[in-house]
Structures are given as structure tokens and as C-alpha cells.
Amino acid sequence: MSEVSSAQVWATAISKNEAKGTAIIYRYVKEFSPGFVRNQQPDRIIVVWRYQGEKGMPSLEERVRMDDFEDALSTLEKAGFSTLALVSTGNDLKEWTYYTQAEDEFLERLNAALQSKAAFPVEIHVSRDPEWTTYERFVIGVKN
């Protein structure tokens, strides 16, 4: 497995609900590094942070905490162990979608990365997804 990050190019997409005046902002990997093999990371981990915000977006204080959380988890991507493939923010929900080599080890590394931090209000959902169907469905739905 490569020591290089799997994400080479990131992109953003926005889904707007004009009637409600809300939006969901997506950040996703648009291009992967050469030689990256997705099926080496068959487990999907979705980390969910629920909040209450104006028009479905987090407050500035909450966004700062979310950024701190994401920064702490950046160690999970070292040595090609996992890939943060998709992040969505909106409708009072932030989700980070990771793909990883092994669910149990991901959770151990996550706990280690957060051990010196105050608790974060997150839920963790785990599933096998060796074909990266969640990611693929999202990318197919993005209009360029």
C-alpha cells in the first residue's frame, strides 16, 4: 500500500432546496492518486454529527469544533490505511464517509486520535462496501 494519500483532487458540490432556503455542501474526492486501489479499503465508516443550526448549517463555534475533529482524524489516512472520500454539511447534519482496510483497527485508531480531546457528539455507522457504492452513487449524481 502506498504511503501517499489516496486523494489527489478534491471537489465541491452544492445541493440547494430553494423552497426552504437551505443547502447541503459536499466535499468529495474527484480524482485518486495513480495506483490507488479502492477494494483494498472495503469497509465504509460514516461518522455523523447532528446539530441545530440556522438554515441547517452549523454555527461558527460548532464548525470550529468540527474542523478540530476532522484534523484529529487525519492520522487515520496515513500509509493508505483509510480514505476520507466524502464530507457533507447541511440539514443539521455533518457526515464524514471513510473507507478503510479494517473496521476494528479504524475504530481503535479513531479512539487513539481522540483520546486527548473533549468528547465529540458523533455517531459511527459501519458497513462493508468493497465496491464503494455509497461513494459511486454520490459521484454519479453530481452534475458538472
Protein backbone atom coordinates (compact mmCIF):
# COMPACT_ATOMS: atom_id res chain seq x y z
CA MET A 1 0.00 0.00 0.00
CA SER A 2 1.32 3.41 -0.90
CA GLU A 3 2.46 5.94 1.71
CA VAL A 4 0.85 8.68 -0.40
CA SER A 5 -2.62 10.00 0.35
CA SER A 6 -5.28 8.38 -1.83
CA ALA A 7 -6.95 11.72 -2.56
CA GLN A 8 -5.30 13.67 -5.33
CA VAL A 9 -8.02 16.17 -6.28
CA TRP A 10 -10.94 17.34 -4.15
CA ALA A 11 -14.11 18.98 -5.47
CA THR A 12 -17.24 20.53 -4.01
CA ALA A 13 -20.89 20.29 -4.94
CA ILE A 14 -23.94 22.03 -3.52
CA SER A 15 -27.49 20.73 -3.37
CA LYS A 16 -29.99 23.56 -2.83
CA ASN A 17 -33.56 23.45 -1.58
CA GLU A 18 -34.83 26.79 -2.89
CA ALA A 19 -38.25 26.42 -1.21
CA LYS A 20 -36.69 26.08 2.26
CA GLY A 21 -33.68 28.30 1.58
CA THR A 22 -31.30 25.54 2.66
CA ALA A 23 -28.38 23.73 1.10
CA ILE A 24 -26.09 20.77 1.62
CA ILE A 25 -22.43 21.32 0.80
CA TYR A 26 -20.45 18.28 -0.31
CA ARG A 27 -16.68 17.89 -0.46
CA TYR A 28 -15.50 14.75 -2.20
CA VAL A 29 -12.51 13.12 -3.81
CA LYS A 30 -12.81 13.78 -7.52
CA GLU A 31 -9.55 12.08 -8.52
CA PHE A 32 -7.45 9.49 -6.72
CA SER A 33 -3.69 9.16 -6.77
CA PRO A 34 -2.28 6.94 -9.52
CA GLY A 35 -2.18 3.31 -8.45
CA PHE A 36 -4.82 3.72 -5.73
CA VAL A 37 -6.92 0.54 -5.45
CA ARG A 38 -10.28 1.10 -3.77
CA ASN A 39 -11.02 -2.54 -2.96
CA GLN A 40 -8.09 -2.54 -0.53
CA GLN A 41 -10.39 -0.46 1.70
CA PRO A 42 -13.62 -2.50 1.76
CA ASP A 43 -15.18 -1.17 4.98
CA ARG A 44 -17.24 2.03 4.96
CA ILE A 45 -17.34 4.12 8.13
CA ILE A 46 -19.74 7.05 8.29
CA VAL A 47 -19.20 9.43 11.19
CA VAL A 48 -22.31 11.52 11.88
CA TRP A 49 -22.51 14.77 13.86
CA ARG A 50 -26.04 16.10 14.45
CA TYR A 51 -26.52 19.78 15.34
CA GLN A 52 -29.11 22.54 15.28
CA GLY A 53 -28.20 25.50 13.11
CA GLU A 54 -29.60 28.40 11.19
CA LYS A 55 -30.94 27.18 7.84
CA GLY A 56 -29.43 23.76 8.58
CA MET A 57 -25.81 24.96 8.83
CA PRO A 58 -23.64 24.72 11.95
CA SER A 59 -22.77 27.80 13.98
CA LEU A 60 -19.25 29.21 13.75
CA GLU A 61 -18.39 27.68 17.15
CA GLU A 62 -19.64 24.27 16.06
CA ARG A 63 -17.77 24.49 12.73
CA VAL A 64 -14.55 25.16 14.64
CA ARG A 65 -15.14 22.03 16.75
CA MET A 66 -15.95 20.02 13.61
CA ASP A 67 -12.71 21.19 11.98
CA ASP A 68 -10.78 20.21 15.11
CA PHE A 69 -12.43 16.78 14.98
CA GLU A 70 -11.58 16.29 11.30
CA ASP A 71 -7.99 17.45 11.84
CA ALA A 72 -7.59 14.93 14.68
CA LEU A 73 -8.78 12.15 12.36
CA SER A 74 -6.32 13.00 9.58
CA THR A 75 -3.91 10.45 11.10
CA LEU A 76 -6.32 7.68 10.06
CA GLU A 77 -5.36 8.22 6.43
CA LYS A 78 -1.62 7.70 6.93
CA ALA A 79 0.07 4.91 4.98
CA GLY A 80 -3.08 4.29 2.93
CA PHE A 81 -4.97 2.76 5.86
CA SER A 82 -8.17 4.68 5.14
CA THR A 83 -9.56 7.34 2.83
CA LEU A 84 -11.85 10.22 3.64
CA ALA A 85 -13.89 10.12 0.43
CA LEU A 86 -16.92 12.33 1.09
CA VAL A 87 -17.98 15.02 3.57
CA SER A 88 -21.44 16.60 3.66
CA THR A 89 -22.71 19.51 5.73
CA GLY A 90 -26.31 20.71 5.84
CA ASN A 91 -29.81 19.92 7.09
CA ASP A 92 -28.45 19.93 10.68
CA LEU A 93 -26.10 17.04 9.91
CA LYS A 94 -22.42 16.66 9.09
CA GLU A 95 -21.17 13.32 7.78
CA TRP A 96 -17.67 12.10 7.05
CA THR A 97 -17.55 9.00 4.85
CA TYR A 98 -14.35 6.98 5.18
CA TYR A 99 -13.30 3.77 3.51
CA THR A 100 -10.81 1.67 5.42
CA GLN A 101 -8.86 -1.57 5.38
CA ALA A 102 -10.30 -2.86 8.66
CA GLU A 103 -13.24 -1.66 10.75
CA ASP A 104 -11.85 -2.74 14.14
CA GLU A 105 -8.47 -1.14 13.58
CA PHE A 106 -10.12 2.04 12.28
CA LEU A 107 -12.13 2.34 15.49
CA GLU A 108 -9.01 1.71 17.60
CA ARG A 109 -7.12 4.40 15.69
CA LEU A 110 -10.08 6.77 15.94
CA ASN A 111 -10.21 6.36 19.72
CA ALA A 112 -6.44 6.88 19.97
CA ALA A 113 -6.63 10.03 17.83
CA LEU A 114 -9.35 11.49 20.04
CA GLN A 115 -8.13 10.36 23.48
CA SER A 116 -6.72 13.78 24.45
CA LYS A 117 -9.80 15.67 23.19
CA ALA A 118 -13.08 16.51 24.86
CA ALA A 119 -15.88 14.18 23.74
CA PHE A 120 -17.46 14.92 20.38
CA PRO A 121 -21.20 14.33 19.73
CA VAL A 122 -20.80 11.77 16.96
CA GLU A 123 -22.38 8.50 15.91
CA ILE A 124 -20.48 5.89 13.93
CA HIS A 125 -22.09 3.68 11.30
CA VAL A 126 -20.10 0.80 9.84
CA SER A 127 -20.80 -1.38 6.84
CA ARG A 128 -18.99 -3.47 4.24
CA ASP A 129 -18.85 -1.64 0.92
CA PRO A 130 -15.98 -3.12 -1.11
CA GLU A 131 -17.39 -1.66 -4.34
CA TRP A 132 -17.62 1.83 -2.78
CA THR A 133 -21.29 2.01 -3.81
CA THR A 134 -22.13 4.93 -1.47
CA TYR A 135 -19.33 6.99 -2.95
CA GLU A 136 -20.11 5.90 -6.52
CA ARG A 137 -23.82 6.76 -6.20
CA PHE A 138 -22.90 10.22 -5.00
CA VAL A 139 -20.34 10.87 -7.77
CA ILE A 140 -22.71 9.65 -10.49
CA GLY A 141 -25.34 12.09 -9.21
CA VAL A 142 -23.06 15.14 -9.35
CA LYS A 143 -23.77 17.39 -12.32
CA ASN A 144 -20.70 19.12 -13.71
